[in-house]
Structure formats: structure tokens, C-alpha cells
Amino acid sequence: MITPSYCTHRFRTRDGRTVLALLLVICLFLAAAMVAGLESDTRGIGRSSPSIIDLGAGVYLRHKQNDISAHANTPRVDTRSPEEKIVNHTAASPAPRFPVQATVATITPRNAVVRPNHRASDLLAVVDQEDIQPKHRILADKVLRALPSECRDNLRQFFVTYEQNPKNRGLGGESTIIVTGNVPDNEFMALVVHECGHVTDLGGLRGSNNATATAFADGATRMYANDPSVKFYSLSWADAVTTQKKSFAKDFVSGYAQSDPFEDFAETFAFFALHQNEFKIIAKRSRILQAKYDFMQRVIFAGEAQIAEGRSISKSKGIPWDVTKLPFEWMTKV
């Protein structure tokens, strides 16, 4: 007969060893299951558990498998410097295949160089200088891009001065322009146009020394007969300082144009660029002035679009002293 004491005895002796063995098997099974689960979780990291880091210039998605390379089959090593990671890192990151929350943590790497988030400057390098005020860089860039390419192609130095009461509002040579910034915007643009006339004349239009030398010279620089500018000079000038015998005030676009052949060229250049329609009207007053208009239209501005519209001055009987002081409306979109 099996009694309760017998059951207790059997449990505590032989069956007890069986139960212990069963518990050991269960423990081993649970341990194996935990290990298998951990490995499964590790393999899943990177597909569904990204960490999101905002470096300031955009959202950079970095998979956790980069941090747990011991569990990755083919660990990726990011050899970029912190600075390289900041620049354009969004384009280098894969597009997420999971919803991204709008609010993300902001983490700035230690010793990282954080750059402002803006486009690289689109301004011409010659005007994009730190000592030039941003407004004048933009205005100068606009003018240079609108004018014929001879000025841009030959301009090597561009300066803007901010001294009070400068001796000269502008200076120009074969590759250099200096203008004052202490004038209204339209006057600043007109000064740049005028000085571009000098760069075009002295730097863009050149003859060769195998041609005949002429009576015209810019300082020690002799002008030769195959220089296109000589044809323009000869309309009103006998040499660099003397006008033709039958030269009259009506043959010039301004009083300042009568200073010398080089200022005549630059003023006529500026008047054509900024007041083309007015120029066409007043050119009818003089055969020489008409020839200057035709020179600018055919030789310098051939095929170029009109960039500005001058306000009416054609009804005036006299001529202005300085083209850069005349009002105009800018038309070109650059």
C-alpha cells in the first residue's frame, strides 16, 4: 500500500534527483533561448532602431551597428573628419525607411568645426572681398555681369574706399578699378560702369607693336594703329591732349568727356550703357557724336541687351558735366 509517507520518501530520494535533473535542463534551455534572443536583437539593430543626431546643418542618421562593430558582419569604418561629416552629411546618409519624429536630439561632436548653413558665394571673386561692404559687392557684381565681357575678363583688382571727401570718386586702368563707397547706390553703379569703360579701352582693346605707332599714348604706353580705340579717339582728338581743330562741345556726351581721349571713351561708354535711348536722340545733333554712338553699338556693345534706361535729358540744350551723376533706372536682371 502506497502511503503519503511513501510518496514523500520517494520524492525526497530517487524522484528528487529526477526533479533536479529536470530543473537543470530547463535552466539550460532558458539560457540558450536568452542567448539566441540577444543575437537576434543585435542583428536587427540598424534596420529598425536608428539613432538620430542633429549636427546643426541637417539630420544625420547613424546606425547603431557602427557603435557595436563586434556584432556586425562587415563593420563600416567612417574615416571622415568631424568637419567633413558636418559638410553635406545629409546627402551622404541613406534615406530612412521608417517614420522620423520631428523633434530630435541636438548633439555637437567635441572639437567639431561648425560652419554656417548658407550657400557658397556666387559673386565674382574680384569683388567678393572682405574689406568691401556686402551691398557694394552685390552692386559691383551686378554691373560687371551686365556689361560686355572685356571688363570682367581684364579686371584683376577692384577696390572700394570709404574715406570721407575722397580726392577722386573713381579711378580705372587696364586691369584695376577704385571707386568710393560714400555715394548713393545708383551713383556707385554708374562709377563702376565708367571705370569699366577705362578697363575695356586700355585692357580689352589692344593693338600690336608690329603696327604703326600713333600720336596717342597712355603715359608710357604707346597706342598702335590697329588698336580699335584709336579709331574712336581720332573722331575728336589729334593726340592724347589736343582736340581736333573742328571739334565742338556738341560732339561730346559730357563736359568731363572733353578732358582727354580716355575720359571721352569712358564717358561715352557709360552714357551708352546707362542712357542708350537718350544717346540715340542727341546723336542726331552732331555727325561726330553719331559716329561715337555707332562705335559703341558695333564694336563694344554688339549684340548686348540694354541694361538701363536713362531719364529724359534730351530736351536740354546743354550737355551734362558728368554722366555718373545722371539719373537712370536699372533694367537688367542678373
Protein backbone atom coordinates (compact mmCIF):
# COMPACT_ATOMS: atom_id res chain seq x y z
CA MET A 1 0.00 0.00 0.00
CA ILE A 2 1.26 3.39 -1.01
CA THR A 3 1.07 5.77 1.85
CA PRO A 4 1.64 9.52 1.96
CA SER A 5 4.90 8.92 3.74
CA TYR A 6 5.94 6.61 0.94
CA CYS A 7 5.23 9.34 -1.64
CA THR A 8 7.17 11.82 0.42
CA HIS A 9 10.04 9.36 0.76
CA ARG A 10 10.05 8.64 -2.99
CA PHE A 11 10.05 12.38 -3.81
CA ARG A 12 12.92 13.09 -1.41
CA THR A 13 15.10 10.23 -2.64
CA ARG A 14 15.20 8.86 -6.19
CA ASP A 15 12.45 11.12 -7.67
CA GLY A 16 14.12 14.14 -6.12
CA ARG A 17 17.18 13.53 -8.23
CA THR A 18 14.93 13.36 -11.29
CA VAL A 19 13.35 16.70 -10.47
CA LEU A 20 16.77 18.33 -10.02
CA ALA A 21 17.87 16.98 -13.36
CA LEU A 22 14.67 18.34 -14.95
CA LEU A 23 15.25 21.80 -13.41
CA LEU A 24 18.82 21.82 -14.72
CA VAL A 25 17.58 21.00 -18.23
CA ILE A 26 15.01 23.79 -18.02
CA CYS A 27 17.69 26.30 -16.88
CA LEU A 28 19.96 25.32 -19.74
CA PHE A 29 17.08 25.70 -22.19
CA LEU A 30 16.23 29.16 -20.87
CA ALA A 31 19.86 30.26 -21.04
CA ALA A 32 20.14 29.06 -24.64
CA ALA A 33 16.94 30.93 -25.50
CA MET A 34 18.25 34.16 -23.97
CA VAL A 35 21.50 33.95 -25.92
CA ALA A 36 19.62 33.28 -29.15
CA GLY A 37 17.31 36.23 -28.45
CA LEU A 38 20.24 38.59 -27.79
CA GLU A 39 21.91 37.63 -31.06
CA SER A 40 18.63 38.11 -32.88
CA ASP A 41 18.20 41.58 -31.36
CA THR A 42 21.75 42.52 -32.30
CA ARG A 43 21.25 41.50 -35.91
CA GLY A 44 18.09 43.61 -36.02
CA ILE A 45 19.85 46.77 -34.87
CA GLY A 46 20.45 49.13 -37.80
CA ARG A 47 17.29 48.24 -39.65
CA SER A 48 14.68 49.31 -37.14
CA SER A 49 16.48 51.08 -34.30
CA PRO A 50 18.35 54.08 -35.69
CA SER A 51 19.71 56.84 -33.54
CA ILE A 52 19.12 60.34 -34.89
CA ILE A 53 21.72 63.02 -34.40
CA ASP A 54 21.28 66.61 -35.43
CA LEU A 55 24.71 68.19 -36.10
CA GLY A 56 23.29 71.63 -36.82
CA ALA A 57 23.43 71.57 -40.64
CA GLY A 58 20.91 68.72 -41.07
CA VAL A 59 19.80 65.35 -39.74
CA TYR A 60 22.48 62.67 -39.77
CA LEU A 61 21.22 59.10 -39.43
CA ARG A 62 23.81 56.87 -37.84
CA HIS A 63 23.02 53.15 -37.40
CA LYS A 64 23.86 51.58 -34.08
CA GLN A 65 25.77 48.83 -35.83
CA ASN A 66 28.57 51.37 -36.25
CA ASP A 67 28.80 51.56 -32.48
CA ILE A 68 28.58 47.77 -31.97
CA SER A 69 31.06 46.67 -34.62
CA ALA A 70 31.77 43.42 -32.77
CA HIS A 71 28.31 42.16 -33.78
CA ALA A 72 28.42 43.37 -37.38
CA ASN A 73 29.29 41.04 -40.21
CA THR A 74 31.05 43.76 -42.23
CA PRO A 75 31.72 46.74 -39.95
CA ARG A 76 31.82 50.13 -41.71
CA VAL A 77 34.56 52.50 -40.59
CA ASP A 78 33.80 56.15 -41.12
CA THR A 79 37.18 57.75 -41.84
CA ARG A 80 35.81 61.25 -42.36
CA SER A 81 36.90 64.04 -40.05
CA PRO A 82 34.24 65.77 -37.90
CA GLU A 83 34.39 68.74 -40.26
CA GLU A 84 33.74 66.54 -43.28
CA LYS A 85 30.81 64.92 -41.52
CA ILE A 86 29.19 68.30 -40.94
CA VAL A 87 29.50 69.43 -44.56
CA ASN A 88 26.92 67.79 -46.82
CA HIS A 89 26.42 64.88 -44.45
CA THR A 90 22.72 64.70 -45.30
CA ALA A 91 23.48 63.75 -48.89
CA ALA A 92 25.85 61.01 -47.75
CA SER A 93 23.27 59.40 -45.43
CA PRO A 94 20.73 56.84 -46.74
CA ALA A 95 17.10 57.86 -46.86
CA PRO A 96 15.28 56.43 -43.82
CA ARG A 97 12.67 53.72 -44.43
CA PHE A 98 10.84 54.48 -41.22
CA PRO A 99 8.98 57.49 -39.79
CA VAL A 100 11.24 60.11 -38.24
CA GLN A 101 9.99 62.22 -35.38
CA ALA A 102 10.05 65.96 -35.84
CA THR A 103 11.87 66.53 -32.56
CA VAL A 104 15.40 65.17 -32.47
CA ALA A 105 18.28 65.44 -30.06
CA THR A 106 20.96 68.02 -30.84
CA ILE A 107 24.46 66.74 -30.29
CA THR A 108 27.57 68.63 -31.39
CA PRO A 109 30.70 66.46 -31.60
CA ARG A 110 33.60 67.59 -29.45
CA ASN A 111 36.16 69.69 -31.34
CA ALA A 112 33.89 69.79 -34.41
CA VAL A 113 34.04 72.88 -36.63
CA VAL A 114 30.51 74.14 -37.12
CA ARG A 115 30.04 76.14 -40.31
CA PRO A 116 27.12 78.47 -41.03
CA ASN A 117 24.42 76.89 -43.13
CA HIS A 118 24.46 79.01 -46.30
CA ARG A 119 25.38 78.66 -49.96
CA ALA A 120 28.85 79.41 -51.22
CA SER A 121 29.17 82.91 -52.57
CA ASP A 122 28.02 83.34 -56.17
CA LEU A 123 29.75 86.72 -56.51
CA LEU A 124 32.65 87.31 -58.86
CA ALA A 125 35.88 86.69 -56.96
CA VAL A 126 37.33 90.08 -57.89
CA VAL A 127 34.56 91.91 -55.96
CA ASP A 128 33.97 89.37 -53.19
CA GLN A 129 36.48 90.95 -50.79
CA GLU A 130 36.15 91.22 -47.01
CA ASP A 131 37.01 94.94 -46.95
CA ILE A 132 34.13 95.75 -49.33
CA GLN A 133 30.71 96.18 -47.78
CA PRO A 134 28.26 93.40 -48.81
CA LYS A 135 25.94 95.89 -50.51
CA HIS A 136 28.73 97.18 -52.75
CA ARG A 137 29.91 93.67 -53.59
CA ILE A 138 26.43 92.84 -54.87
CA LEU A 139 26.07 96.09 -56.83
CA ALA A 140 29.50 95.78 -58.42
CA ASP A 141 28.86 92.14 -59.30
CA LYS A 142 25.56 93.11 -60.94
CA VAL A 143 27.24 95.80 -63.06
CA LEU A 144 30.20 93.69 -64.12
CA ARG A 145 27.97 90.79 -65.20
CA ALA A 146 25.70 93.08 -67.23
CA LEU A 147 28.46 94.84 -69.19
CA PRO A 148 30.37 93.38 -72.15
CA SER A 149 32.93 90.76 -71.10
CA GLU A 150 36.05 92.80 -71.87
CA CYS A 151 35.85 94.47 -68.47
CA ARG A 152 35.33 91.24 -66.48
CA ASP A 153 37.99 89.39 -68.43
CA ASN A 154 40.68 92.00 -67.83
CA LEU A 155 39.79 93.23 -64.33
CA ARG A 156 42.28 91.92 -61.76
CA GLN A 157 41.83 94.32 -58.83
CA PHE A 158 38.70 96.00 -57.53
CA PHE A 159 38.78 98.37 -54.55
CA VAL A 160 36.11 100.37 -52.74
CA THR A 161 37.27 103.20 -50.48
CA TYR A 162 35.22 104.62 -47.62
CA GLU A 163 37.19 107.73 -46.74
CA GLN A 164 35.29 110.96 -46.32
CA ASN A 165 35.65 113.51 -49.14
CA PRO A 166 37.96 111.43 -51.34
CA LYS A 167 40.09 113.27 -53.88
CA ASN A 168 38.77 111.04 -56.66
CA ARG A 169 35.41 109.29 -56.77
CA GLY A 170 36.83 106.71 -59.14
CA LEU A 171 39.96 105.59 -60.94
CA GLY A 172 40.38 102.98 -63.64
CA GLY A 173 43.22 101.44 -65.64
CA GLU A 174 43.83 98.44 -67.83
CA SER A 175 43.18 95.96 -65.00
CA THR A 176 42.24 97.96 -61.88
CA ILE A 177 39.19 99.83 -60.62
CA ILE A 178 38.99 102.00 -57.50
CA VAL A 179 35.69 103.65 -56.54
CA THR A 180 34.29 105.37 -53.49
CA GLY A 181 31.52 103.76 -51.49
CA ASN A 182 30.36 107.03 -49.94
CA VAL A 183 27.84 107.81 -52.67
CA PRO A 184 24.24 106.75 -53.42
CA ASP A 185 23.79 103.29 -54.91
CA ASN A 186 22.96 104.47 -58.43
CA GLU A 187 25.97 106.76 -58.49
CA PHE A 188 28.16 103.90 -57.24
CA MET A 189 26.93 101.69 -60.09
CA ALA A 190 27.48 104.47 -62.63
CA LEU A 191 31.04 104.95 -61.35
CA VAL A 192 31.72 101.25 -61.81
CA VAL A 193 30.35 101.47 -65.37
CA HIS A 194 32.56 104.49 -66.14
CA GLU A 195 35.69 102.81 -64.77
CA CYS A 196 34.80 99.66 -66.71
CA GLY A 197 35.00 101.88 -69.76
CA HIS A 198 38.67 102.51 -68.93
CA VAL A 199 39.36 98.79 -68.39
CA THR A 200 37.67 97.96 -71.70
CA ASP A 201 39.57 100.70 -73.51
CA LEU A 202 43.04 100.14 -72.05
CA GLY A 203 42.91 96.45 -71.16
CA GLY A 204 40.40 94.94 -73.56
CA LEU A 205 41.04 96.76 -76.83
CA ARG A 206 44.70 96.43 -77.79
CA GLY A 207 46.85 96.81 -80.82
CA SER A 208 50.17 95.15 -81.56
CA ASN A 209 53.61 96.73 -81.72
CA ASN A 210 54.16 95.41 -85.23
CA ALA A 211 51.67 98.08 -86.39
CA THR A 212 52.42 101.76 -86.82
CA ALA A 213 52.69 103.83 -83.62
CA THR A 214 50.18 106.66 -83.29
CA ALA A 215 50.18 110.02 -81.55
CA PHE A 216 48.14 108.55 -78.71
CA ALA A 217 49.74 107.23 -75.53
CA ASP A 218 48.57 106.49 -72.02
CA GLY A 219 51.61 107.61 -70.08
CA ALA A 220 54.47 105.49 -71.38
CA THR A 221 52.14 103.05 -73.12
CA ARG A 222 52.01 103.75 -76.83
CA MET A 223 48.84 103.14 -78.85
CA TYR A 224 49.21 101.44 -82.22
CA ALA A 225 47.21 101.92 -85.39
CA ASN A 226 45.48 98.53 -85.16
CA ASP A 227 44.13 99.31 -81.69
CA PRO A 228 40.33 99.73 -82.13
CA SER A 229 40.32 102.56 -79.58
CA VAL A 230 42.45 104.76 -81.85
CA LYS A 231 39.58 104.97 -84.32
CA PHE A 232 37.35 106.30 -81.53
CA TYR A 233 39.99 108.76 -80.22
CA SER A 234 40.57 110.18 -83.70
CA LEU A 235 36.97 111.34 -84.00
CA SER A 236 37.63 114.26 -81.63
CA TRP A 237 41.35 114.15 -80.77
CA ALA A 238 44.61 114.80 -82.59
CA ASP A 239 46.66 113.30 -79.76
CA ALA A 240 46.34 112.48 -76.06
CA VAL A 241 45.86 116.14 -75.06
CA THR A 242 44.80 118.05 -78.17
CA THR A 243 41.34 118.06 -79.73
CA GLN A 244 40.75 118.16 -83.44
CA LYS A 245 40.60 121.67 -84.93
CA LYS A 246 36.94 121.35 -85.81
CA SER A 247 35.85 119.82 -82.50
CA PHE A 248 32.86 121.27 -80.65
CA ALA A 249 31.19 120.72 -77.29
CA LYS A 250 28.20 119.14 -79.01
CA ASP A 251 30.50 116.31 -80.16
CA PHE A 252 30.83 115.03 -76.59
CA VAL A 253 28.34 113.34 -74.26
CA SER A 254 29.51 115.41 -71.24
CA GLY A 255 31.81 118.19 -70.17
CA TYR A 256 34.12 115.70 -68.45
CA ALA A 257 34.43 113.76 -71.72
CA GLN A 258 36.32 116.75 -73.12
CA SER A 259 39.22 116.21 -70.66
CA ASP A 260 41.19 113.76 -72.85
CA PRO A 261 40.53 110.89 -75.26
CA PHE A 262 40.48 108.32 -72.44
CA GLU A 263 37.80 110.13 -70.45
CA ASP A 264 35.94 110.72 -73.71
CA PHE A 265 35.90 106.94 -74.24
CA ALA A 266 34.83 106.12 -70.64
CA GLU A 267 32.08 108.75 -70.51
CA THR A 268 30.74 107.71 -73.91
CA PHE A 269 30.86 104.06 -72.78
CA ALA A 270 28.88 104.90 -69.62
CA PHE A 271 26.38 107.06 -71.49
CA PHE A 272 25.67 104.30 -73.99
CA ALA A 273 25.34 101.68 -71.22
CA LEU A 274 23.05 103.71 -68.96
CA HIS A 275 21.31 106.13 -71.35
CA GLN A 276 21.23 104.38 -74.71
CA ASN A 277 17.89 105.76 -75.84
CA GLU A 278 18.84 109.30 -74.85
CA PHE A 279 22.17 108.88 -76.63
CA LYS A 280 20.39 107.86 -79.81
CA ILE A 281 18.33 111.07 -79.69
CA ILE A 282 21.11 113.55 -79.00
CA ALA A 283 23.44 111.84 -81.50
CA LYS A 284 21.36 113.46 -84.25
CA ARG A 285 22.76 116.84 -83.20
CA SER A 286 26.28 116.01 -84.32
CA ARG A 287 27.93 113.88 -87.01
CA ILE A 288 30.83 113.13 -84.64
CA LEU A 289 28.54 112.19 -81.78
CA GLN A 290 26.64 109.89 -84.13
CA ALA A 291 29.92 108.22 -85.07
CA LYS A 292 30.70 107.68 -81.36
CA TYR A 293 27.27 106.14 -80.83
CA ASP A 294 27.83 103.81 -83.78
CA PHE A 295 31.28 102.81 -82.47
CA MET A 296 29.86 101.81 -79.10
CA GLN A 297 26.95 99.97 -80.69
CA ARG A 298 29.01 98.00 -83.24
CA VAL A 299 32.40 97.49 -81.60
CA ILE A 300 31.75 97.41 -77.83
CA PHE A 301 28.10 96.55 -77.16
CA ALA A 302 27.42 94.49 -80.29
CA GLY A 303 24.53 92.13 -79.53
CA GLU A 304 24.35 93.17 -75.86
CA ALA A 305 20.97 93.80 -74.27
CA GLN A 306 20.14 97.24 -72.93
CA ILE A 307 20.88 97.29 -69.19
CA ALA A 308 19.41 100.62 -68.06
CA GLU A 309 17.02 103.38 -69.04
CA GLY A 310 18.08 107.00 -68.54
CA ARG A 311 15.62 109.62 -67.55
CA SER A 312 14.94 112.27 -70.17
CA ILE A 313 17.66 114.90 -70.59
CA SER A 314 17.43 115.17 -74.38
CA LYS A 315 15.27 118.30 -74.21
CA SER A 316 18.09 120.21 -72.54
CA LYS A 317 20.10 122.42 -74.88
CA GLY A 318 23.30 121.97 -72.92
CA ILE A 319 25.25 118.83 -72.04
CA PRO A 320 25.76 117.37 -68.56
CA TRP A 321 29.13 117.68 -66.91
CA ASP A 322 29.35 114.13 -65.56
CA VAL A 323 27.48 111.07 -66.85
CA THR A 324 27.80 109.28 -63.49
CA LYS A 325 25.57 111.92 -61.88
CA LEU A 326 22.66 111.42 -64.27
CA PRO A 327 19.56 109.53 -63.04
CA PHE A 328 18.73 106.15 -64.54
CA GLU A 329 16.67 103.04 -63.91
CA TRP A 330 18.44 99.66 -63.90
CA MET A 331 16.74 97.16 -66.18
CA THR A 332 18.89 94.04 -66.28
CA LYS A 333 18.10 91.09 -64.00
CA VAL A 334 21.32 89.28 -63.09
